[in-house]
Amino acid sequence: MIAIDGRYCKGCGICVYFCPKHALELSKEVNSRGFYMPHVVDASKCTNCHQCELFCPDFAVFIVEEEEGADG
């Protein structure tokens, strides 16, 4: 799962540019800080390659790995 922290994101679009599967795109609406924030277009396209996370200059994008199963 791709997570974006709006407190740090400045809407530069680097994560969108480097996503090889085009799972992200910039919003068409400006947020309260005046930025076009990225959002997940299709989470099923994400292959957990971490490119968005690696290239984000503000550490605002990160991948949250889902656990395989619940231990009961």
PDB file of N, CA and C in Angstrom:
ATOM      1  N   MET A   1       0.835  -1.175   0.000  1.00  0.00           N
ATOM      2  CA  MET A   1       0.000   0.000   0.000  1.00  0.00           C
ATOM      3  C   MET A   1       0.883   1.243   0.000  1.00  0.00           C
ATOM      4  N   ILE A   2       0.536   2.213  -0.813  1.00  0.00           N
ATOM      5  CA  ILE A   2       1.282   3.465  -0.893  1.00  0.00           C
ATOM      6  C   ILE A   2       0.649   4.471   0.062  1.00  0.00           C
ATOM      7  N   ALA A   3       1.470   5.051   0.926  1.00  0.00           N
ATOM      8  CA  ALA A   3       0.994   6.064   1.864  1.00  0.00           C
ATOM      9  C   ALA A   3       1.719   7.372   1.579  1.00  0.00           C
ATOM     10  N   ILE A   4       0.968   8.483   1.642  1.00  0.00           N
ATOM     11  CA  ILE A   4       1.529   9.798   1.389  1.00  0.00           C
ATOM     12  C   ILE A   4       1.213  10.684   2.585  1.00  0.00           C
ATOM     13  N   ASP A   5       2.254  11.248   3.169  1.00  0.00           N
ATOM     14  CA  ASP A   5       2.096  12.115   4.333  1.00  0.00           C
ATOM     15  C   ASP A   5       1.980  13.561   3.847  1.00  0.00           C
ATOM     16  N   GLY A   6       0.777  14.092   3.912  1.00  0.00           N
ATOM     17  CA  GLY A   6       0.499  15.444   3.444  1.00  0.00           C
ATOM     18  C   GLY A   6       1.223  16.534   4.211  1.00  0.00           C
ATOM     19  N   ARG A   7       1.722  16.218   5.392  1.00  0.00           N
ATOM     20  CA  ARG A   7       2.470  17.214   6.171  1.00  0.00           C
ATOM     21  C   ARG A   7       3.813  17.521   5.534  1.00  0.00           C
ATOM     22  N   TYR A   8       4.365  16.563   4.786  1.00  0.00           N
ATOM     23  CA  TYR A   8       5.685  16.731   4.192  1.00  0.00           C
ATOM     24  C   TYR A   8       5.658  16.922   2.683  1.00  0.00           C
ATOM     25  N   CYS A   9       4.618  16.432   2.030  1.00  0.00           N
ATOM     26  CA  CYS A   9       4.541  16.470   0.574  1.00  0.00           C
ATOM     27  C   CYS A   9       4.333  17.895   0.069  1.00  0.00           C
ATOM     28  N   LYS A  10       5.126  18.266  -0.959  1.00  0.00           N
ATOM     29  CA  LYS A  10       4.981  19.587  -1.574  1.00  0.00           C
ATOM     30  C   LYS A  10       4.436  19.485  -3.000  1.00  0.00           C
ATOM     31  N   GLY A  11       3.981  18.301  -3.374  1.00  0.00           N
ATOM     32  CA  GLY A  11       3.352  18.124  -4.671  1.00  0.00           C
ATOM     33  C   GLY A  11       4.289  18.248  -5.848  1.00  0.00           C
ATOM     34  N   CYS A  12       5.546  17.851  -5.694  1.00  0.00           N
ATOM     35  CA  CYS A  12       6.534  18.004  -6.769  1.00  0.00           C
ATOM     36  C   CYS A  12       6.297  17.033  -7.922  1.00  0.00           C
ATOM     37  N   GLY A  13       5.653  15.893  -7.653  1.00  0.00           N
ATOM     38  CA  GLY A  13       5.346  14.923  -8.694  1.00  0.00           C
ATOM     39  C   GLY A  13       6.450  13.939  -9.010  1.00  0.00           C
ATOM     40  N   ILE A  14       7.534  13.971  -8.261  1.00  0.00           N
ATOM     41  CA  ILE A  14       8.637  13.040  -8.521  1.00  0.00           C
ATOM     42  C   ILE A  14       8.177  11.599  -8.336  1.00  0.00           C
ATOM     43  N   CYS A  15       7.370  11.343  -7.339  1.00  0.00           N
ATOM     44  CA  CYS A  15       6.870   9.984  -7.110  1.00  0.00           C
ATOM     45  C   CYS A  15       6.021   9.505  -8.281  1.00  0.00           C
ATOM     46  N   VAL A  16       5.233  10.406  -8.843  1.00  0.00           N
ATOM     47  CA  VAL A  16       4.392  10.072  -9.991  1.00  0.00           C
ATOM     48  C   VAL A  16       5.276   9.754 -11.194  1.00  0.00           C
ATOM     49  N   TYR A  17       6.297  10.559 -11.412  1.00  0.00           N
ATOM     50  CA  TYR A  17       7.197  10.388 -12.552  1.00  0.00           C
ATOM     51  C   TYR A  17       7.951   9.060 -12.503  1.00  0.00           C
ATOM     52  N   PHE A  18       8.412   8.673 -11.313  1.00  0.00           N
ATOM     53  CA  PHE A  18       9.243   7.473 -11.200  1.00  0.00           C
ATOM     54  C   PHE A  18       8.457   6.182 -10.972  1.00  0.00           C
ATOM     55  N   CYS A  19       7.152   6.245 -10.840  1.00  0.00           N
ATOM     56  CA  CYS A  19       6.360   5.016 -10.668  1.00  0.00           C
ATOM     57  C   CYS A  19       6.298   4.280 -12.003  1.00  0.00           C
ATOM     58  N   PRO A  20       6.936   3.084 -12.092  1.00  0.00           N
ATOM     59  CA  PRO A  20       6.969   2.372 -13.369  1.00  0.00           C
ATOM     60  C   PRO A  20       5.619   1.795 -13.787  1.00  0.00           C
ATOM     61  N   LYS A  21       4.698   1.663 -12.855  1.00  0.00           N
ATOM     62  CA  LYS A  21       3.388   1.073 -13.160  1.00  0.00           C
ATOM     63  C   LYS A  21       2.268   2.106 -13.219  1.00  0.00           C
ATOM     64  N   HIS A  22       2.607   3.370 -13.037  1.00  0.00           N
ATOM     65  CA  HIS A  22       1.641   4.467 -13.113  1.00  0.00           C
ATOM     66  C   HIS A  22       0.494   4.290 -12.116  1.00  0.00           C
ATOM     67  N   ALA A  23       0.864   3.907 -10.897  1.00  0.00           N
ATOM     68  CA  ALA A  23      -0.129   3.730  -9.833  1.00  0.00           C
ATOM     69  C   ALA A  23      -0.487   5.050  -9.160  1.00  0.00           C
ATOM     70  N   LEU A  24       0.304   6.097  -9.414  1.00  0.00           N
ATOM     71  CA  LEU A  24       0.088   7.409  -8.804  1.00  0.00           C
ATOM     72  C   LEU A  24      -0.190   8.465  -9.863  1.00  0.00           C
ATOM     73  N   GLU A  25      -0.916   9.496  -9.456  1.00  0.00           N
ATOM     74  CA  GLU A  25      -1.065  10.682 -10.301  1.00  0.00           C
ATOM     75  C   GLU A  25      -1.294  11.877  -9.391  1.00  0.00           C
ATOM     76  N   LEU A  26      -1.023  13.063  -9.918  1.00  0.00           N
ATOM     77  CA  LEU A  26      -1.258  14.275  -9.131  1.00  0.00           C
ATOM     78  C   LEU A  26      -2.739  14.622  -9.180  1.00  0.00           C
ATOM     79  N   SER A  27      -3.236  15.074  -8.047  1.00  0.00           N
ATOM     80  CA  SER A  27      -4.629  15.484  -7.946  1.00  0.00           C
ATOM     81  C   SER A  27      -4.866  16.701  -8.831  1.00  0.00           C
ATOM     82  N   LYS A  28      -6.076  16.881  -9.275  1.00  0.00           N
ATOM     83  CA  LYS A  28      -6.438  18.052 -10.057  1.00  0.00           C
ATOM     84  C   LYS A  28      -6.890  19.206  -9.159  1.00  0.00           C
ATOM     85  N   GLU A  29      -6.991  18.924  -7.863  1.00  0.00           N
ATOM     86  CA  GLU A  29      -7.410  19.934  -6.895  1.00  0.00           C
ATOM     87  C   GLU A  29      -6.257  20.290  -5.972  1.00  0.00           C
ATOM     88  N   VAL A  30      -6.201  21.551  -5.602  1.00  0.00           N
ATOM     89  CA  VAL A  30      -5.169  22.045  -4.704  1.00  0.00           C
ATOM     90  C   VAL A  30      -5.594  21.759  -3.265  1.00  0.00           C
ATOM     91  N   ASN A  31      -4.638  21.307  -2.433  1.00  0.00           N
ATOM     92  CA  ASN A  31      -4.966  21.059  -1.030  1.00  0.00           C
ATOM     93  C   ASN A  31      -4.899  22.363  -0.230  1.00  0.00           C
ATOM     94  N   SER A  32      -5.074  22.298   1.059  1.00  0.00           N
ATOM     95  CA  SER A  32      -5.108  23.493   1.909  1.00  0.00           C
ATOM     96  C   SER A  32      -3.782  24.248   1.935  1.00  0.00           C
ATOM     97  N   ARG A  33      -2.696  23.577   1.578  1.00  0.00           N
ATOM     98  CA  ARG A  33      -1.380  24.224   1.551  1.00  0.00           C
ATOM     99  C   ARG A  33      -1.030  24.750   0.166  1.00  0.00           C
ATOM    100  N   GLY A  34      -1.913  24.542  -0.808  1.00  0.00           N
ATOM    101  CA  GLY A  34      -1.693  25.045  -2.154  1.00  0.00           C
ATOM    102  C   GLY A  34      -0.947  24.104  -3.070  1.00  0.00           C
ATOM    103  N   PHE A  35      -0.889  22.819  -2.744  1.00  0.00           N
ATOM    104  CA  PHE A  35      -0.159  21.838  -3.538  1.00  0.00           C
ATOM    105  C   PHE A  35      -1.118  20.863  -4.213  1.00  0.00           C
ATOM    106  N   TYR A  36      -0.714  20.393  -5.380  1.00  0.00           N
ATOM    107  CA  TYR A  36      -1.417  19.313  -6.057  1.00  0.00           C
ATOM    108  C   TYR A  36      -0.821  18.012  -5.539  1.00  0.00           C
ATOM    109  N   MET A  37      -1.489  17.387  -4.610  1.00  0.00           N
ATOM    110  CA  MET A  37      -0.970  16.196  -3.942  1.00  0.00           C
ATOM    111  C   MET A  37      -1.116  14.962  -4.826  1.00  0.00           C
ATOM    112  N   PRO A  38      -0.150  14.051  -4.749  1.00  0.00           N
ATOM    113  CA  PRO A  38      -0.299  12.779  -5.460  1.00  0.00           C
ATOM    114  C   PRO A  38      -1.329  11.898  -4.747  1.00  0.00           C
ATOM    115  N   HIS A  39      -1.945  11.037  -5.507  1.00  0.00           N
ATOM    116  CA  HIS A  39      -2.854  10.066  -4.910  1.00  0.00           C
ATOM    117  C   HIS A  39      -2.761   8.768  -5.701  1.00  0.00           C
ATOM    118  N   VAL A  40      -3.198   7.706  -5.073  1.00  0.00           N
ATOM    119  CA  VAL A  40      -3.132   6.383  -5.691  1.00  0.00           C
ATOM    120  C   VAL A  40      -4.287   6.252  -6.684  1.00  0.00           C
ATOM    121  N   VAL A  41      -3.954   5.967  -7.927  1.00  0.00           N
ATOM    122  CA  VAL A  41      -4.953   5.778  -8.970  1.00  0.00           C
ATOM    123  C   VAL A  41      -5.497   4.357  -8.919  1.00  0.00           C
ATOM    124  N   ASP A  42      -4.584   3.394  -8.818  1.00  0.00           N
ATOM    125  CA  ASP A  42      -4.965   1.983  -8.802  1.00  0.00           C
ATOM    126  C   ASP A  42      -3.955   1.220  -7.955  1.00  0.00           C
ATOM    127  N   ALA A  43      -4.334   0.896  -6.729  1.00  0.00           N
ATOM    128  CA  ALA A  43      -3.428   0.215  -5.801  1.00  0.00           C
ATOM    129  C   ALA A  43      -3.010  -1.160  -6.308  1.00  0.00           C
ATOM    130  N   SER A  44      -3.820  -1.790  -7.137  1.00  0.00           N
ATOM    131  CA  SER A  44      -3.475  -3.116  -7.647  1.00  0.00           C
ATOM    132  C   SER A  44      -2.298  -3.068  -8.624  1.00  0.00           C
ATOM    133  N   LYS A  45      -1.999  -1.888  -9.169  1.00  0.00           N
ATOM    134  CA  LYS A  45      -0.860  -1.740 -10.074  1.00  0.00           C
ATOM    135  C   LYS A  45       0.473  -1.705  -9.318  1.00  0.00           C
ATOM    136  N   CYS A  46       0.435  -1.342  -8.051  1.00  0.00           N
ATOM    137  CA  CYS A  46       1.652  -1.196  -7.254  1.00  0.00           C
ATOM    138  C   CYS A  46       2.319  -2.560  -7.059  1.00  0.00           C
ATOM    139  N   THR A  47       3.628  -2.618  -7.376  1.00  0.00           N
ATOM    140  CA  THR A  47       4.381  -3.857  -7.227  1.00  0.00           C
ATOM    141  C   THR A  47       5.353  -3.792  -6.044  1.00  0.00           C
ATOM    142  N   ASN A  48       5.219  -2.784  -5.206  1.00  0.00           N
ATOM    143  CA  ASN A  48       6.095  -2.574  -4.041  1.00  0.00           C
ATOM    144  C   ASN A  48       7.558  -2.429  -4.442  1.00  0.00           C
ATOM    145  N   CYS A  49       7.808  -1.736  -5.537  1.00  0.00           N
ATOM    146  CA  CYS A  49       9.182  -1.534  -5.994  1.00  0.00           C
ATOM    147  C   CYS A  49       9.899  -0.449  -5.192  1.00  0.00           C
ATOM    148  N   HIS A  50       9.148   0.369  -4.483  1.00  0.00           N
ATOM    149  CA  HIS A  50       9.673   1.431  -3.610  1.00  0.00           C
ATOM    150  C   HIS A  50      10.311   2.594  -4.365  1.00  0.00           C
ATOM    151  N   GLN A  51      10.116   2.702  -5.658  1.00  0.00           N
ATOM    152  CA  GLN A  51      10.701   3.812  -6.411  1.00  0.00           C
ATOM    153  C   GLN A  51      10.145   5.154  -5.938  1.00  0.00           C
ATOM    154  N   CYS A  52       8.854   5.220  -5.691  1.00  0.00           N
ATOM    155  CA  CYS A  52       8.244   6.465  -5.205  1.00  0.00           C
ATOM    156  C   CYS A  52       8.867   6.878  -3.877  1.00  0.00           C
ATOM    157  N   GLU A  53       9.067   5.914  -3.028  1.00  0.00           N
ATOM    158  CA  GLU A  53       9.648   6.133  -1.705  1.00  0.00           C
ATOM    159  C   GLU A  53      11.114   6.568  -1.806  1.00  0.00           C
ATOM    160  N   LEU A  54      11.869   5.920  -2.675  1.00  0.00           N
ATOM    161  CA  LEU A  54      13.295   6.200  -2.812  1.00  0.00           C
ATOM    162  C   LEU A  54      13.584   7.579  -3.398  1.00  0.00           C
ATOM    163  N   PHE A  55      12.759   8.027  -4.320  1.00  0.00           N
ATOM    164  CA  PHE A  55      13.026   9.295  -4.996  1.00  0.00           C
ATOM    165  C   PHE A  55      12.355  10.501  -4.351  1.00  0.00           C
ATOM    166  N   CYS A  56      11.466  10.300  -3.404  1.00  0.00           N
ATOM    167  CA  CYS A  56      10.784  11.428  -2.754  1.00  0.00           C
ATOM    168  C   CYS A  56      11.806  12.256  -1.963  1.00  0.00           C
ATOM    169  N   PRO A  57      11.999  13.529  -2.333  1.00  0.00           N
ATOM    170  CA  PRO A  57      12.999  14.353  -1.649  1.00  0.00           C
ATOM    171  C   PRO A  57      12.595  14.769  -0.236  1.00  0.00           C
ATOM    172  N   ASP A  58      11.321  14.616   0.082  1.00  0.00           N
ATOM    173  CA  ASP A  58      10.825  15.063   1.387  1.00  0.00           C
ATOM    174  C   ASP A  58      10.409  13.923   2.305  1.00  0.00           C
ATOM    175  N   PHE A  59      10.684  12.688   1.902  1.00  0.00           N
ATOM    176  CA  PHE A  59      10.324  11.498   2.694  1.00  0.00           C
ATOM    177  C   PHE A  59       8.835  11.474   3.032  1.00  0.00           C
ATOM    178  N   ALA A  60       8.020  11.901   2.067  1.00  0.00           N
ATOM    179  CA  ALA A  60       6.576  11.977   2.277  1.00  0.00           C
ATOM    180  C   ALA A  60       5.831  10.751   1.764  1.00  0.00           C
ATOM    181  N   VAL A  61       6.500   9.941   0.954  1.00  0.00           N
ATOM    182  CA  VAL A  61       5.867   8.756   0.376  1.00  0.00           C
ATOM    183  C   VAL A  61       6.554   7.524   0.931  1.00  0.00           C
ATOM    184  N   PHE A  62       5.750   6.562   1.326  1.00  0.00           N
ATOM    185  CA  PHE A  62       6.325   5.313   1.806  1.00  0.00           C
ATOM    186  C   PHE A  62       5.378   4.164   1.528  1.00  0.00           C
ATOM    187  N   ILE A  63       5.961   2.991   1.449  1.00  0.00           N
ATOM    188  CA  ILE A  63       5.204   1.757   1.200  1.00  0.00           C
ATOM    189  C   ILE A  63       4.953   1.062   2.518  1.00  0.00           C
ATOM    190  N   VAL A  64       3.710   0.726   2.756  1.00  0.00           N
ATOM    191  CA  VAL A  64       3.340  -0.039   3.943  1.00  0.00           C
ATOM    192  C   VAL A  64       3.102  -1.466   3.501  1.00  0.00           C
ATOM    193  N   GLU A  65       3.969  -2.348   3.924  1.00  0.00           N
ATOM    194  CA  GLU A  65       3.859  -3.765   3.552  1.00  0.00           C
ATOM    195  C   GLU A  65       2.712  -4.400   4.327  1.00  0.00           C
ATOM    196  N   GLU A  66       1.873  -5.126   3.615  1.00  0.00           N
ATOM    197  CA  GLU A  66       0.775  -5.836   4.265  1.00  0.00           C
ATOM    198  C   GLU A  66       1.286  -7.163   4.792  1.00  0.00           C
ATOM    199  N   GLU A  67       0.814  -7.545   5.968  1.00  0.00           N
ATOM    200  CA  GLU A  67       1.222  -8.819   6.559  1.00  0.00           C
ATOM    201  C   GLU A  67       0.531  -9.971   5.848  1.00  0.00           C
ATOM    202  N   GLU A  68       1.241 -11.086   5.732  1.00  0.00           N
ATOM    203  CA  GLU A  68       0.734 -12.265   5.037  1.00  0.00           C
ATOM    204  C   GLU A  68      -0.504 -12.866   5.698  1.00  0.00           C
ATOM    205  N   GLY A  69      -0.494 -12.947   6.991  1.00  0.00           N
ATOM    206  CA  GLY A  69      -1.606 -13.551   7.707  1.00  0.00           C
ATOM    207  C   GLY A  69      -1.594 -13.140   9.151  1.00  0.00           C
ATOM    208  N   ALA A  70      -2.702 -13.344   9.805  1.00  0.00           N
ATOM    209  CA  ALA A  70      -2.811 -12.963  11.206  1.00  0.00           C
ATOM    210  C   ALA A  70      -2.492 -14.180  12.087  1.00  0.00           C
ATOM    211  N   ASP A  71      -1.619 -13.982  13.051  1.00  0.00           N
ATOM    212  CA  ASP A  71      -1.336 -15.057  13.995  1.00  0.00           C
ATOM    213  C   ASP A  71      -2.389 -15.013  15.085  1.00  0.00           C
ATOM    214  N   GLY A  72      -2.983 -16.140  15.329  1.00  0.00           N
ATOM    215  CA  GLY A  72      -4.114 -16.133  16.219  1.00  0.00           C
ATOM    216  C   GLY A  72      -3.885 -16.756  17.488  1.00  0.00           C
TER     217      GLY A  72
END
